[in-house]
Each structure stands twice: as structure tokens, then as C-alpha cells.
Amino acid sequence: MSNNLGMDVRKSPRSRCRLDSKIHYFQQQADARVINISRTGLALELATKLTAAAGSQVTIENEDIGHLEGVVRWNYGGRIGIMFRPNSNSIAKVAAYFRNYHQEVRPVLRG
């Protein structure tokens, strides 16, 4: 799917969440938090810099979902977007997460 600018966009609806995770790229590792997830990918907020470029293979470890494999779609401003590899079992793990554990996180407004 693409938007009116001709850019590729996520095909699945996103769900907000807060899941502490670790992301691995070759010998680099960074603490991160999953900030939104869909059945095809996720976005992470990084605690430290990670130099993975678009198209790079990465793995994500998470207590709730387990070990996920994906490809970097974008890396900008301390956040990174990951698309799950279609031939991995990551998609099945995410489907099980949505079925058993997921609770939508709503922003908290402070006044």
C-alpha cells in the first residue's frame, strides 16, 4: 500500500503498547521500548543509539512476545521501524501476543 506521496506505508493497523525490549544488530545491542505494534511490524523507541540502516536484519527480544526477526524500514530521531520477516515465525508469535496478552495503551493527559 502507498500513500498519496508514493511512499510505502504500513498495511496493518497499529496498536499502542509499552513493552521493554532489546534490539540486536550484528555486535550492537540497545535497550528499547515497543511503542506500537501491528501484525506486520513494530516501532521501537531506543534508549541508546543504534546504527542499523534501512534494509538491515535485526532481532528483537521481548518477555511477552519472545524472539522476533525483522528488517529495518526506517531509523530516525531515536526511533526505529521494523517489518517482520515473512518467512520467520515472528508473525505467529505476534498473533499469539494479540490473542493472549495485548492491552491497548492510551496516552495520559496531565493538566
Protein backbone atom coordinates (compact mmCIF):
# COMPACT_ATOMS: atom_id res chain seq x y z
CA MET A 1 0.00 0.00 0.00
CA SER A 2 1.25 3.56 -0.63
CA ASN A 3 0.02 7.00 0.33
CA ASN A 4 -0.53 9.98 -1.98
CA LEU A 5 3.20 10.81 -1.86
CA GLY A 6 4.08 7.40 -3.29
CA MET A 7 5.71 6.25 -0.05
CA ASP A 8 5.22 2.74 1.29
CA VAL A 9 3.13 2.70 4.47
CA ARG A 10 2.16 0.02 6.95
CA LYS A 11 -0.72 -2.16 5.76
CA SER A 12 -1.91 -3.31 9.18
CA PRO A 13 -3.49 -1.12 11.86
CA ARG A 14 -1.16 -0.13 14.69
CA SER A 15 -1.83 -0.71 18.37
CA ARG A 16 -0.10 1.34 21.02
CA CYS A 17 1.81 -0.52 23.69
CA ARG A 18 4.76 -0.22 26.05
CA LEU A 19 6.92 -3.33 26.04
CA ASP A 20 10.52 -3.23 27.25
CA SER A 21 12.77 -4.97 24.73
CA LYS A 22 16.30 -5.38 23.45
CA ILE A 23 17.27 -5.00 19.80
CA HIS A 24 20.33 -6.72 18.30
CA TYR A 25 22.15 -5.67 15.15
CA PHE A 26 25.39 -7.59 14.49
CA GLN A 27 27.53 -6.93 17.61
CA GLN A 28 25.42 -3.97 18.76
CA GLN A 29 22.66 -4.20 21.33
CA ALA A 30 20.33 -1.47 22.55
CA ASP A 31 17.61 -1.27 25.16
CA ALA A 32 14.33 -0.18 23.63
CA ARG A 33 10.61 0.03 24.18
CA VAL A 34 7.99 -1.13 21.70
CA ILE A 35 5.70 1.88 21.28
CA ASN A 36 3.35 0.45 18.67
CA ILE A 37 2.85 -2.90 17.04
CA SER A 38 0.88 -4.43 14.21
CA ARG A 39 0.70 -7.89 12.73
CA THR A 40 3.39 -6.95 10.19
CA GLY A 41 5.83 -4.84 12.21
CA LEU A 42 6.56 -2.60 15.16
CA ALA A 43 8.14 0.71 16.15
CA LEU A 44 10.74 0.94 18.89
CA GLU A 45 11.88 3.90 20.95
CA LEU A 46 15.63 3.44 21.51
CA ALA A 47 17.35 4.14 24.84
CA THR A 48 20.75 4.36 23.10
CA LYS A 49 21.89 4.94 19.53
CA LEU A 50 21.79 2.03 17.07
CA THR A 51 23.38 2.41 13.63
CA ALA A 52 21.19 -0.06 11.74
CA ALA A 53 20.26 1.29 8.30
CA ALA A 54 17.08 0.59 6.33
CA GLY A 55 17.20 -2.96 4.96
CA SER A 56 19.32 -4.31 7.84
CA GLN A 57 18.37 -7.58 9.52
CA VAL A 58 17.73 -7.23 13.28
CA THR A 59 16.37 -9.34 16.12
CA ILE A 60 14.21 -8.13 19.00
CA GLU A 61 13.91 -9.86 22.36
CA ASN A 62 10.85 -9.30 24.48
CA GLU A 63 9.47 -11.10 27.54
CA ASP A 64 5.86 -11.06 26.33
CA ILE A 65 6.43 -11.99 22.68
CA GLY A 66 9.81 -13.71 22.61
CA HIS A 67 12.49 -13.58 19.91
CA LEU A 68 11.43 -11.70 16.74
CA GLU A 69 13.27 -11.30 13.44
CA GLY A 70 12.76 -8.35 11.16
CA VAL A 71 14.12 -5.82 8.71
CA VAL A 72 14.70 -2.13 9.49
CA ARG A 73 12.33 0.07 7.48
CA TRP A 74 13.46 3.40 8.98
CA ASN A 75 15.70 4.70 11.79
CA TYR A 76 15.20 8.33 12.76
CA GLY A 77 15.20 10.52 15.86
CA GLY A 78 15.77 7.76 18.42
CA ARG A 79 13.05 5.55 16.96
CA ILE A 80 13.26 2.63 14.59
CA GLY A 81 10.62 0.87 12.49
CA ILE A 82 10.84 -2.88 11.95
CA MET A 83 8.96 -5.04 9.45
CA PHE A 84 8.73 -8.71 10.44
CA ARG A 85 10.36 -11.21 8.12
CA PRO A 86 7.51 -13.06 6.38
CA ASN A 87 9.32 -16.42 6.42
CA SER A 88 10.02 -16.35 10.16
CA ASN A 89 7.76 -17.42 12.99
CA SER A 90 7.65 -13.80 14.20
CA ILE A 91 4.21 -13.26 12.66
CA ALA A 92 2.79 -16.27 14.53
CA LYS A 93 4.31 -15.02 17.80
CA VAL A 94 2.77 -11.57 17.32
CA ALA A 95 -0.63 -13.10 16.51
CA ALA A 96 -0.42 -15.09 19.76
CA TYR A 97 0.55 -11.92 21.64
CA PHE A 98 -2.53 -10.09 20.31
CA ARG A 99 -4.75 -13.07 21.13
CA ASN A 100 -3.47 -13.59 24.69
CA TYR A 101 -1.73 -10.54 26.14
CA HIS A 102 -2.21 -7.26 24.31
CA GLN A 103 -3.92 -4.33 26.05
CA GLU A 104 -4.19 -1.04 24.18
CA VAL A 105 -2.24 1.75 25.90
CA ARG A 106 -3.89 5.15 25.92
CA PRO A 107 -1.92 8.37 26.44
CA VAL A 108 -2.23 10.01 29.83
CA LEU A 109 -3.10 13.70 29.74
CA ARG A 110 -1.76 15.81 32.55
CA GLY A 111 -3.37 19.08 33.44
